[in-house]
Amino acid sequence: MSCTIQVNNGALPQEELSAYLAHARERYGREPKRMDVTVDGEYVDIDYTFDAQPFERIRRITGYLVGTLDRFNNGKRAEEHDRVKHRLDA
C-alpha cells in the first residue's frame, strides 16, 4: 500500500516525512492511506487518514457474547433456536 502525502504551507525534507510515516506505522500498527502535513513555523500538524477497519458484530445469545453460531454445539444451537425473541412495536 502506498501513502499519499500532502504538505501544506511549506516544504519538508523527505527524511522528515518518512519519519512521520514511520511514527504512524509504529503508533497505530498500520499504514496510513493519506497523510496531510501542515507547516506552521517551527511546528507541523499531521492528519493521518486510514482505511476503515472491518469489525465483527457481537451479540449476547443465551448468556454468551458471540459473533456467529458456528462454534455452538447442537444443544446450544437448539437453545438459541427455541428462545423467545422480544420486539417493541412503535
Protein backbone atom coordinates (compact mmCIF):
# COMPACT_ATOMS: atom_id res chain seq x y z
CA MET A 1 0.00 0.00 0.00
CA SER A 2 1.21 3.48 -0.77
CA CYS A 3 0.53 6.52 1.38
CA THR A 4 -0.37 9.81 -0.31
CA ILE A 5 1.43 12.71 1.40
CA GLN A 6 0.22 16.31 1.07
CA VAL A 7 2.36 19.13 2.52
CA ASN A 8 0.61 22.49 3.06
CA ASN A 9 2.16 25.94 3.79
CA GLY A 10 5.75 24.98 3.03
CA ALA A 11 8.10 22.16 2.18
CA LEU A 12 9.71 19.43 4.26
CA PRO A 13 12.66 17.12 3.51
CA GLN A 14 11.79 13.55 2.50
CA GLU A 15 13.63 12.19 5.57
CA GLU A 16 11.29 14.10 7.89
CA LEU A 17 8.19 12.92 6.01
CA SER A 18 9.48 9.34 6.18
CA ALA A 19 9.96 9.71 9.94
CA TYR A 20 6.35 10.92 10.35
CA LEU A 21 5.14 7.95 8.30
CA ALA A 22 7.24 5.51 10.38
CA HIS A 23 5.79 7.06 13.55
CA ALA A 24 2.25 6.42 12.29
CA ARG A 25 3.07 2.79 11.49
CA GLU A 26 4.60 2.30 14.94
CA ARG A 27 1.85 4.08 16.88
CA TYR A 28 -1.21 2.76 15.03
CA GLY A 29 0.15 -0.57 13.78
CA ARG A 30 -0.90 0.01 10.18
CA GLU A 31 -0.06 2.09 7.14
CA PRO A 32 -2.00 5.35 6.70
CA LYS A 33 -3.87 5.80 3.44
CA ARG A 34 -3.19 9.54 3.41
CA MET A 35 -1.08 11.96 5.45
CA ASP A 36 -1.76 15.72 5.43
CA VAL A 37 1.08 17.78 6.90
CA THR A 38 0.53 21.49 7.57
CA VAL A 39 3.65 23.53 8.31
CA ASP A 40 3.14 26.32 10.86
CA GLY A 41 6.50 27.97 11.51
CA GLU A 42 8.53 25.58 13.65
CA TYR A 43 5.55 23.29 14.20
CA VAL A 44 3.74 20.80 11.99
CA ASP A 45 0.19 19.49 12.24
CA ILE A 46 -0.26 15.96 10.91
CA ASP A 47 -3.59 14.42 9.98
CA TYR A 48 -3.49 10.69 9.25
CA THR A 49 -6.31 9.01 7.30
CA PHE A 50 -6.67 5.23 7.48
CA ASP A 51 -8.82 2.70 5.62
CA ALA A 52 -11.88 1.58 7.53
CA GLN A 53 -11.23 -1.46 9.70
CA PRO A 54 -13.60 -4.40 9.35
CA PHE A 55 -15.45 -5.34 12.51
CA GLU A 56 -17.46 -8.29 13.65
CA ARG A 57 -20.90 -7.84 15.14
CA ILE A 58 -21.14 -9.35 18.61
CA ARG A 59 -24.44 -10.31 20.22
CA ARG A 60 -25.43 -11.77 23.55
CA ILE A 61 -27.10 -15.10 22.88
CA THR A 62 -28.11 -17.48 25.66
CA GLY A 63 -25.73 -15.74 28.06
CA TYR A 64 -22.68 -15.75 25.77
CA LEU A 65 -21.12 -12.97 23.72
CA VAL A 66 -20.76 -14.39 20.22
CA GLY A 67 -20.25 -13.18 16.67
CA THR A 68 -21.58 -16.29 14.92
CA LEU A 69 -23.17 -19.56 15.97
CA ASP A 70 -20.69 -21.78 14.13
CA ARG A 71 -18.85 -22.74 17.34
CA PHE A 72 -22.02 -23.69 19.22
CA ASN A 73 -22.71 -27.38 19.77
CA ASN A 74 -26.11 -28.87 18.85
CA GLY A 75 -27.55 -28.23 22.32
CA LYS A 76 -26.66 -24.52 22.27
CA ARG A 77 -27.95 -24.18 18.70
CA ALA A 78 -31.27 -25.71 19.78
CA GLU A 79 -31.39 -23.36 22.79
CA GLU A 80 -30.85 -20.37 20.50
CA HIS A 81 -33.49 -21.64 18.08
CA ASP A 82 -36.08 -22.09 20.85
CA ARG A 83 -35.53 -18.77 22.63
CA VAL A 84 -38.25 -16.13 22.69
CA LYS A 85 -37.32 -13.03 20.70
CA HIS A 86 -38.95 -9.86 22.06
CA ARG A 87 -39.94 -6.88 19.93
CA LEU A 88 -41.05 -3.34 20.62
CA ASP A 89 -43.74 -2.07 18.30
CA ALA A 90 -43.61 1.65 17.65
